[in-house]
Amino acid sequence: MNLDLQTIKNTAMWALIGIAVIGIVLAIIIKKIVGKIIILVLAALIVFFGWQQRSKVVDFGNHLQTSACKSHPTFFGIDVTYPGCPTN
């Protein structure tokens, strides 16, 4: 099989254009996938820390009778008070 110079020039040009198009399409697809993964991780972190703070406040509320309102928990740095307890 013999290829002449003109065929190689044309074929190589179209092959490189095809590779460039495939590369651009893959970059766009990967960017969207990575963006979604980052958003999912951030959402999971927010849920985790929110649930952790909620548990802290609920635990304090459950033990409110024994603690006699001596201390107040915080929810992301904000003091939480309960009904029947005096505020500071």
PDB file of N, CA and C in Angstrom:
ATOM      1  N   MET A   1       0.844  -1.157   0.000  1.00  0.00           N
ATOM      2  CA  MET A   1       0.000   0.000   0.000  1.00  0.00           C
ATOM      3  C   MET A   1       0.902   1.237   0.000  1.00  0.00           C
ATOM      4  N   ASN A   2       0.660   2.124  -0.924  1.00  0.00           N
ATOM      5  CA  ASN A   2       1.454   3.336  -1.050  1.00  0.00           C
ATOM      6  C   ASN A   2       0.573   4.560  -0.813  1.00  0.00           C
ATOM      7  N   LEU A   3       1.078   5.483  -0.047  1.00  0.00           N
ATOM      8  CA  LEU A   3       0.389   6.739   0.181  1.00  0.00           C
ATOM      9  C   LEU A   3       1.248   7.861  -0.379  1.00  0.00           C
ATOM     10  N   ASP A   4       0.607   8.787  -1.073  1.00  0.00           N
ATOM     11  CA  ASP A   4       1.378   9.911  -1.574  1.00  0.00           C
ATOM     12  C   ASP A   4       1.374  11.043  -0.547  1.00  0.00           C
ATOM     13  N   LEU A   5       2.198  12.028  -0.760  1.00  0.00           N
ATOM     14  CA  LEU A   5       2.376  13.126   0.178  1.00  0.00           C
ATOM     15  C   LEU A   5       1.087  13.912   0.379  1.00  0.00           C
ATOM     16  N   GLN A   6       0.310  14.153  -0.656  1.00  0.00           N
ATOM     17  CA  GLN A   6      -0.926  14.928  -0.563  1.00  0.00           C
ATOM     18  C   GLN A   6      -1.959  14.213   0.321  1.00  0.00           C
ATOM     19  N   THR A   7      -2.062  12.910   0.198  1.00  0.00           N
ATOM     20  CA  THR A   7      -3.003  12.150   1.026  1.00  0.00           C
ATOM     21  C   THR A   7      -2.618  12.240   2.500  1.00  0.00           C
ATOM     22  N   ILE A   8      -1.355  12.137   2.778  1.00  0.00           N
ATOM     23  CA  ILE A   8      -0.886  12.220   4.159  1.00  0.00           C
ATOM     24  C   ILE A   8      -1.151  13.615   4.733  1.00  0.00           C
ATOM     25  N   LYS A   9      -0.925  14.667   3.934  1.00  0.00           N
ATOM     26  CA  LYS A   9      -1.181  16.037   4.391  1.00  0.00           C
ATOM     27  C   LYS A   9      -2.659  16.220   4.734  1.00  0.00           C
ATOM     28  N   ASN A  10      -3.541  15.799   3.861  1.00  0.00           N
ATOM     29  CA  ASN A  10      -4.974  15.961   4.090  1.00  0.00           C
ATOM     30  C   ASN A  10      -5.466  15.094   5.254  1.00  0.00           C
ATOM     31  N   THR A  11      -5.040  13.854   5.274  1.00  0.00           N
ATOM     32  CA  THR A  11      -5.476  12.936   6.315  1.00  0.00           C
ATOM     33  C   THR A  11      -4.983  13.393   7.680  1.00  0.00           C
ATOM     34  N   ALA A  12      -3.751  13.816   7.766  1.00  0.00           N
ATOM     35  CA  ALA A  12      -3.194  14.274   9.034  1.00  0.00           C
ATOM     36  C   ALA A  12      -3.927  15.520   9.522  1.00  0.00           C
ATOM     37  N   MET A  13      -4.251  16.426   8.607  1.00  0.00           N
ATOM     38  CA  MET A  13      -4.966  17.643   8.989  1.00  0.00           C
ATOM     39  C   MET A  13      -6.338  17.296   9.574  1.00  0.00           C
ATOM     40  N   TRP A  14      -7.093  16.441   8.889  1.00  0.00           N
ATOM     41  CA  TRP A  14      -8.426  16.073   9.374  1.00  0.00           C
ATOM     42  C   TRP A  14      -8.353  15.240  10.654  1.00  0.00           C
ATOM     43  N   ALA A  15      -7.343  14.414  10.771  1.00  0.00           N
ATOM     44  CA  ALA A  15      -7.167  13.631  11.993  1.00  0.00           C
ATOM     45  C   ALA A  15      -6.879  14.551  13.181  1.00  0.00           C
ATOM     46  N   LEU A  16      -6.042  15.551  12.980  1.00  0.00           N
ATOM     47  CA  LEU A  16      -5.732  16.499  14.050  1.00  0.00           C
ATOM     48  C   LEU A  16      -6.945  17.346  14.415  1.00  0.00           C
ATOM     49  N   ILE A  17      -7.722  17.745  13.427  1.00  0.00           N
ATOM     50  CA  ILE A  17      -8.952  18.496  13.691  1.00  0.00           C
ATOM     51  C   ILE A  17      -9.926  17.623  14.490  1.00  0.00           C
ATOM     52  N   GLY A  18     -10.059  16.371  14.103  1.00  0.00           N
ATOM     53  CA  GLY A  18     -10.927  15.446  14.826  1.00  0.00           C
ATOM     54  C   GLY A  18     -10.480  15.243  16.263  1.00  0.00           C
ATOM     55  N   ILE A  19      -9.186  15.084  16.470  1.00  0.00           N
ATOM     56  CA  ILE A  19      -8.651  14.921  17.824  1.00  0.00           C
ATOM     57  C   ILE A  19      -8.902  16.179  18.651  1.00  0.00           C
ATOM     58  N   ALA A  20      -8.734  17.353  18.038  1.00  0.00           N
ATOM     59  CA  ALA A  20      -8.977  18.608  18.748  1.00  0.00           C
ATOM     60  C   ALA A  20     -10.451  18.730  19.153  1.00  0.00           C
ATOM     61  N   VAL A  21     -11.361  18.384  18.240  1.00  0.00           N
ATOM     62  CA  VAL A  21     -12.798  18.449  18.547  1.00  0.00           C
ATOM     63  C   VAL A  21     -13.147  17.476  19.666  1.00  0.00           C
ATOM     64  N   ILE A  22     -12.639  16.265  19.585  1.00  0.00           N
ATOM     65  CA  ILE A  22     -12.887  15.269  20.631  1.00  0.00           C
ATOM     66  C   ILE A  22     -12.331  15.758  21.970  1.00  0.00           C
ATOM     67  N   GLY A  23     -11.154  16.358  21.947  1.00  0.00           N
ATOM     68  CA  GLY A  23     -10.552  16.893  23.173  1.00  0.00           C
ATOM     69  C   GLY A  23     -11.398  17.991  23.793  1.00  0.00           C
ATOM     70  N   ILE A  24     -11.930  18.885  22.959  1.00  0.00           N
ATOM     71  CA  ILE A  24     -12.776  19.976  23.469  1.00  0.00           C
ATOM     72  C   ILE A  24     -14.069  19.418  24.057  1.00  0.00           C
ATOM     73  N   VAL A  25     -14.695  18.485  23.355  1.00  0.00           N
ATOM     74  CA  VAL A  25     -15.936  17.887  23.852  1.00  0.00           C
ATOM     75  C   VAL A  25     -15.682  17.165  25.177  1.00  0.00           C
ATOM     76  N   LEU A  26     -14.600  16.404  25.264  1.00  0.00           N
ATOM     77  CA  LEU A  26     -14.277  15.697  26.508  1.00  0.00           C
ATOM     78  C   LEU A  26     -13.988  16.681  27.640  1.00  0.00           C
ATOM     79  N   ALA A  27     -13.312  17.778  27.332  1.00  0.00           N
ATOM     80  CA  ALA A  27     -13.031  18.783  28.363  1.00  0.00           C
ATOM     81  C   ALA A  27     -14.319  19.379  28.913  1.00  0.00           C
ATOM     82  N   ILE A  28     -15.281  19.655  28.037  1.00  0.00           N
ATOM     83  CA  ILE A  28     -16.563  20.206  28.479  1.00  0.00           C
ATOM     84  C   ILE A  28     -17.311  19.189  29.342  1.00  0.00           C
ATOM     85  N   ILE A  29     -17.340  17.940  28.903  1.00  0.00           N
ATOM     86  CA  ILE A  29     -18.041  16.892  29.653  1.00  0.00           C
ATOM     87  C   ILE A  29     -17.381  16.681  31.013  1.00  0.00           C
ATOM     88  N   ILE A  30     -16.065  16.599  31.056  1.00  0.00           N
ATOM     89  CA  ILE A  30     -15.349  16.378  32.313  1.00  0.00           C
ATOM     90  C   ILE A  30     -15.548  17.565  33.249  1.00  0.00           C
ATOM     91  N   LYS A  31     -15.547  18.783  32.695  1.00  0.00           N
ATOM     92  CA  LYS A  31     -15.761  19.975  33.517  1.00  0.00           C
ATOM     93  C   LYS A  31     -17.134  19.923  34.179  1.00  0.00           C
ATOM     94  N   LYS A  32     -18.157  19.520  33.444  1.00  0.00           N
ATOM     95  CA  LYS A  32     -19.506  19.425  34.010  1.00  0.00           C
ATOM     96  C   LYS A  32     -19.568  18.342  35.082  1.00  0.00           C
ATOM     97  N   ILE A  33     -18.937  17.219  34.844  1.00  0.00           N
ATOM     98  CA  ILE A  33     -18.948  16.119  35.809  1.00  0.00           C
ATOM     99  C   ILE A  33     -18.218  16.538  37.087  1.00  0.00           C
ATOM    100  N   VAL A  34     -17.039  17.138  36.932  1.00  0.00           N
ATOM    101  CA  VAL A  34     -16.270  17.567  38.097  1.00  0.00           C
ATOM    102  C   VAL A  34     -17.033  18.639  38.867  1.00  0.00           C
ATOM    103  N   GLY A  35     -17.689  19.550  38.157  1.00  0.00           N
ATOM    104  CA  GLY A  35     -18.491  20.579  38.814  1.00  0.00           C
ATOM    105  C   GLY A  35     -19.607  19.968  39.635  1.00  0.00           C
ATOM    106  N   LYS A  36     -20.268  18.962  39.101  1.00  0.00           N
ATOM    107  CA  LYS A  36     -21.341  18.285  39.837  1.00  0.00           C
ATOM    108  C   LYS A  36     -20.793  17.559  41.055  1.00  0.00           C
ATOM    109  N   ILE A  37     -19.644  16.941  40.910  1.00  0.00           N
ATOM    110  CA  ILE A  37     -19.037  16.245  42.046  1.00  0.00           C
ATOM    111  C   ILE A  37     -18.687  17.239  43.147  1.00  0.00           C
ATOM    112  N   ILE A  38     -18.131  18.382  42.777  1.00  0.00           N
ATOM    113  CA  ILE A  38     -17.777  19.402  43.773  1.00  0.00           C
ATOM    114  C   ILE A  38     -19.024  19.901  44.484  1.00  0.00           C
ATOM    115  N   ILE A  39     -20.099  20.139  43.744  1.00  0.00           N
ATOM    116  CA  ILE A  39     -21.349  20.591  44.352  1.00  0.00           C
ATOM    117  C   ILE A  39     -21.900  19.534  45.309  1.00  0.00           C
ATOM    118  N   LEU A  40     -21.843  18.261  44.919  1.00  0.00           N
ATOM    119  CA  LEU A  40     -22.321  17.190  45.792  1.00  0.00           C
ATOM    120  C   LEU A  40     -21.497  17.095  47.074  1.00  0.00           C
ATOM    121  N   VAL A  41     -20.183  17.259  46.954  1.00  0.00           N
ATOM    122  CA  VAL A  41     -19.320  17.211  48.135  1.00  0.00           C
ATOM    123  C   VAL A  41     -19.628  18.384  49.064  1.00  0.00           C
ATOM    124  N   LEU A  42     -19.795  19.586  48.505  1.00  0.00           N
ATOM    125  CA  LEU A  42     -20.132  20.751  49.327  1.00  0.00           C
ATOM    126  C   LEU A  42     -21.480  20.573  50.016  1.00  0.00           C
ATOM    127  N   ALA A  43     -22.458  20.056  49.286  1.00  0.00           N
ATOM    128  CA  ALA A  43     -23.775  19.810  49.885  1.00  0.00           C
ATOM    129  C   ALA A  43     -23.664  18.787  51.012  1.00  0.00           C
ATOM    130  N   ALA A  44     -22.890  17.741  50.808  1.00  0.00           N
ATOM    131  CA  ALA A  44     -22.706  16.720  51.840  1.00  0.00           C
ATOM    132  C   ALA A  44     -22.038  17.315  53.077  1.00  0.00           C
ATOM    133  N   LEU A  45     -21.063  18.197  52.892  1.00  0.00           N
ATOM    134  CA  LEU A  45     -20.411  18.837  54.028  1.00  0.00           C
ATOM    135  C   LEU A  45     -21.380  19.728  54.798  1.00  0.00           C
ATOM    136  N   ILE A  46     -22.197  20.478  54.077  1.00  0.00           N
ATOM    137  CA  ILE A  46     -23.171  21.344  54.736  1.00  0.00           C
ATOM    138  C   ILE A  46     -24.172  20.506  55.532  1.00  0.00           C
ATOM    139  N   VAL A  47     -24.646  19.424  54.949  1.00  0.00           N
ATOM    140  CA  VAL A  47     -25.584  18.538  55.650  1.00  0.00           C
ATOM    141  C   VAL A  47     -24.911  17.935  56.880  1.00  0.00           C
ATOM    142  N   PHE A  48     -23.674  17.478  56.739  1.00  0.00           N
ATOM    143  CA  PHE A  48     -22.952  16.864  57.855  1.00  0.00           C
ATOM    144  C   PHE A  48     -22.799  17.839  59.017  1.00  0.00           C
ATOM    145  N   PHE A  49     -22.298  19.051  58.737  1.00  0.00           N
ATOM    146  CA  PHE A  49     -22.080  20.007  59.816  1.00  0.00           C
ATOM    147  C   PHE A  49     -23.399  20.526  60.382  1.00  0.00           C
ATOM    148  N   GLY A  50     -24.401  20.690  59.544  1.00  0.00           N
ATOM    149  CA  GLY A  50     -25.710  21.093  60.041  1.00  0.00           C
ATOM    150  C   GLY A  50     -26.304  20.040  60.963  1.00  0.00           C
ATOM    151  N   TRP A  51     -26.181  18.773  60.576  1.00  0.00           N
ATOM    152  CA  TRP A  51     -26.706  17.676  61.398  1.00  0.00           C
ATOM    153  C   TRP A  51     -25.935  17.582  62.711  1.00  0.00           C
ATOM    154  N   GLN A  52     -24.642  17.790  62.657  1.00  0.00           N
ATOM    155  CA  GLN A  52     -23.812  17.753  63.859  1.00  0.00           C
ATOM    156  C   GLN A  52     -24.231  18.857  64.836  1.00  0.00           C
ATOM    157  N   GLN A  53     -24.457  20.059  64.321  1.00  0.00           N
ATOM    158  CA  GLN A  53     -24.894  21.163  65.170  1.00  0.00           C
ATOM    159  C   GLN A  53     -26.292  20.899  65.725  1.00  0.00           C
ATOM    160  N   ARG A  54     -27.164  20.342  64.907  1.00  0.00           N
ATOM    161  CA  ARG A  54     -28.517  20.021  65.344  1.00  0.00           C
ATOM    162  C   ARG A  54     -28.468  19.017  66.480  1.00  0.00           C
ATOM    163  N   SER A  55     -27.653  17.987  66.357  1.00  0.00           N
ATOM    164  CA  SER A  55     -27.529  16.964  67.392  1.00  0.00           C
ATOM    165  C   SER A  55     -27.061  17.576  68.702  1.00  0.00           C
ATOM    166  N   LYS A  56     -26.135  18.512  68.613  1.00  0.00           N
ATOM    167  CA  LYS A  56     -25.618  19.176  69.810  1.00  0.00           C
ATOM    168  C   LYS A  56     -26.732  19.919  70.541  1.00  0.00           C
ATOM    169  N   VAL A  57     -27.555  20.648  69.787  1.00  0.00           N
ATOM    170  CA  VAL A  57     -28.650  21.408  70.394  1.00  0.00           C
ATOM    171  C   VAL A  57     -29.716  20.467  70.946  1.00  0.00           C
ATOM    172  N   VAL A  58     -30.054  19.415  70.214  1.00  0.00           N
ATOM    173  CA  VAL A  58     -31.073  18.462  70.671  1.00  0.00           C
ATOM    174  C   VAL A  58     -30.606  17.745  71.932  1.00  0.00           C
ATOM    175  N   ASP A  59     -29.338  17.337  71.973  1.00  0.00           N
ATOM    176  CA  ASP A  59     -28.812  16.684  73.171  1.00  0.00           C
ATOM    177  C   ASP A  59     -28.894  17.605  74.374  1.00  0.00           C
ATOM    178  N   PHE A  60     -28.565  18.871  74.174  1.00  0.00           N
ATOM    179  CA  PHE A  60     -28.655  19.824  75.276  1.00  0.00           C
ATOM    180  C   PHE A  60     -30.101  19.968  75.735  1.00  0.00           C
ATOM    181  N   GLY A  61     -31.023  20.023  74.793  1.00  0.00           N
ATOM    182  CA  GLY A  61     -32.438  20.134  75.137  1.00  0.00           C
ATOM    183  C   GLY A  61     -32.939  18.928  75.909  1.00  0.00           C
ATOM    184  N   ASN A  62     -32.450  17.749  75.570  1.00  0.00           N
ATOM    185  CA  ASN A  62     -32.862  16.534  76.272  1.00  0.00           C
ATOM    186  C   ASN A  62     -32.358  16.511  77.706  1.00  0.00           C
ATOM    187  N   HIS A  63     -31.233  17.122  77.951  1.00  0.00           N
ATOM    188  CA  HIS A  63     -30.647  17.143  79.290  1.00  0.00           C
ATOM    189  C   HIS A  63     -30.888  18.469  80.002  1.00  0.00           C
ATOM    190  N   LEU A  64     -31.853  19.208  79.537  1.00  0.00           N
ATOM    191  CA  LEU A  64     -32.122  20.534  80.092  1.00  0.00           C
ATOM    192  C   LEU A  64     -32.557  20.468  81.551  1.00  0.00           C
ATOM    193  N   GLN A  65     -33.337  19.481  81.908  1.00  0.00           N
ATOM    194  CA  GLN A  65     -33.833  19.384  83.277  1.00  0.00           C
ATOM    195  C   GLN A  65     -32.691  19.207  84.284  1.00  0.00           C
ATOM    196  N   THR A  66     -31.693  18.439  83.917  1.00  0.00           N
ATOM    197  CA  THR A  66     -30.594  18.188  84.852  1.00  0.00           C
ATOM    198  C   THR A  66     -29.568  19.315  84.859  1.00  0.00           C
ATOM    199  N   SER A  67     -29.481  20.051  83.807  1.00  0.00           N
ATOM    200  CA  SER A  67     -28.456  21.103  83.751  1.00  0.00           C
ATOM    201  C   SER A  67     -28.938  22.401  84.366  1.00  0.00           C
ATOM    202  N   ALA A  68     -30.248  22.516  84.607  1.00  0.00           N
ATOM    203  CA  ALA A  68     -30.853  23.693  85.243  1.00  0.00           C
ATOM    204  C   ALA A  68     -30.513  24.977  84.495  1.00  0.00           C
ATOM    205  N   CYS A  69     -30.441  24.906  83.184  1.00  0.00           N
ATOM    206  CA  CYS A  69     -30.246  26.081  82.325  1.00  0.00           C
ATOM    207  C   CYS A  69     -28.956  26.836  82.623  1.00  0.00           C
ATOM    208  N   LYS A  70     -27.932  26.143  83.132  1.00  0.00           N
ATOM    209  CA  LYS A  70     -26.683  26.829  83.476  1.00  0.00           C
ATOM    210  C   LYS A  70     -25.890  27.254  82.250  1.00  0.00           C
ATOM    211  N   SER A  71     -25.968  26.507  81.190  1.00  0.00           N
ATOM    212  CA  SER A  71     -25.200  26.858  79.987  1.00  0.00           C
ATOM    213  C   SER A  71     -26.109  26.770  78.772  1.00  0.00           C
ATOM    214  N   HIS A  72     -25.696  27.441  77.731  1.00  0.00           N
ATOM    215  CA  HIS A  72     -26.468  27.448  76.490  1.00  0.00           C
ATOM    216  C   HIS A  72     -25.598  26.921  75.352  1.00  0.00           C
ATOM    217  N   PRO A  73     -26.165  26.057  74.523  1.00  0.00           N
ATOM    218  CA  PRO A  73     -25.399  25.600  73.364  1.00  0.00           C
ATOM    219  C   PRO A  73     -25.366  26.692  72.297  1.00  0.00           C
ATOM    220  N   THR A  74     -24.513  26.490  71.326  1.00  0.00           N
ATOM    221  CA  THR A  74     -24.458  27.413  70.186  1.00  0.00           C
ATOM    222  C   THR A  74     -24.753  26.653  68.921  1.00  0.00           C
ATOM    223  N   PHE A  75     -25.370  27.330  67.995  1.00  0.00           N
ATOM    224  CA  PHE A  75     -25.658  26.775  66.676  1.00  0.00           C
ATOM    225  C   PHE A  75     -24.937  27.663  65.684  1.00  0.00           C
ATOM    226  N   PHE A  76     -23.784  27.197  65.183  1.00  0.00           N
ATOM    227  CA  PHE A  76     -22.904  27.979  64.319  1.00  0.00           C
ATOM    228  C   PHE A  76     -22.564  29.324  64.967  1.00  0.00           C
ATOM    229  N   GLY A  77     -22.270  29.297  66.280  1.00  0.00           N
ATOM    230  CA  GLY A  77     -21.841  30.484  66.992  1.00  0.00           C
ATOM    231  C   GLY A  77     -22.964  31.334  67.553  1.00  0.00           C
ATOM    232  N   ILE A  78     -24.219  30.979  67.341  1.00  0.00           N
ATOM    233  CA  ILE A  78     -25.357  31.744  67.841  1.00  0.00           C
ATOM    234  C   ILE A  78     -25.892  31.031  69.081  1.00  0.00           C
ATOM    235  N   ASP A  79     -26.004  31.773  70.205  1.00  0.00           N
ATOM    236  CA  ASP A  79     -26.525  31.177  71.427  1.00  0.00           C
ATOM    237  C   ASP A  79     -27.966  30.741  71.238  1.00  0.00           C
ATOM    238  N   VAL A  80     -28.280  29.549  71.755  1.00  0.00           N
ATOM    239  CA  VAL A  80     -29.632  29.000  71.672  1.00  0.00           C
ATOM    240  C   VAL A  80     -30.204  28.974  73.079  1.00  0.00           C
ATOM    241  N   THR A  81     -31.400  29.525  73.252  1.00  0.00           N
ATOM    242  CA  THR A  81     -32.068  29.474  74.544  1.00  0.00           C
ATOM    243  C   THR A  81     -33.322  28.626  74.415  1.00  0.00           C
ATOM    244  N   TYR A  82     -33.774  28.090  75.542  1.00  0.00           N
ATOM    245  CA  TYR A  82     -34.951  27.242  75.560  1.00  0.00           C
ATOM    246  C   TYR A  82     -36.027  27.897  76.395  1.00  0.00           C
ATOM    247  N   PRO A  83     -37.296  27.584  76.128  1.00  0.00           N
ATOM    248  CA  PRO A  83     -38.384  28.145  76.923  1.00  0.00           C
ATOM    249  C   PRO A  83     -38.206  27.757  78.404  1.00  0.00           C
ATOM    250  N   GLY A  84     -38.454  28.708  79.280  1.00  0.00           N
ATOM    251  CA  GLY A  84     -38.321  28.452  80.706  1.00  0.00           C
ATOM    252  C   GLY A  84     -36.958  28.765  81.250  1.00  0.00           C
ATOM    253  N   CYS A  85     -35.968  28.966  80.376  1.00  0.00           N
ATOM    254  CA  CYS A  85     -34.610  29.321  80.826  1.00  0.00           C
ATOM    255  C   CYS A  85     -34.416  30.818  80.653  1.00  0.00           C
ATOM    256  N   PRO A  86     -33.825  31.482  81.633  1.00  0.00           N
ATOM    257  CA  PRO A  86     -33.577  32.907  81.483  1.00  0.00           C
ATOM    258  C   PRO A  86     -32.485  33.149  80.442  1.00  0.00           C
ATOM    259  N   THR A  87     -32.606  34.251  79.724  1.00  0.00           N
ATOM    260  CA  THR A  87     -31.583  34.602  78.738  1.00  0.00           C
ATOM    261  C   THR A  87     -30.486  35.388  79.424  1.00  0.00           C
ATOM    262  N   ASN A  88     -29.299  35.309  78.872  1.00  0.00           N
ATOM    263  CA  ASN A  88     -28.129  36.014  79.467  1.00  0.00           C
ATOM    264  C   ASN A  88     -28.201  37.483  79.188  1.00  0.00           C
TER     265      ASN A  88
END
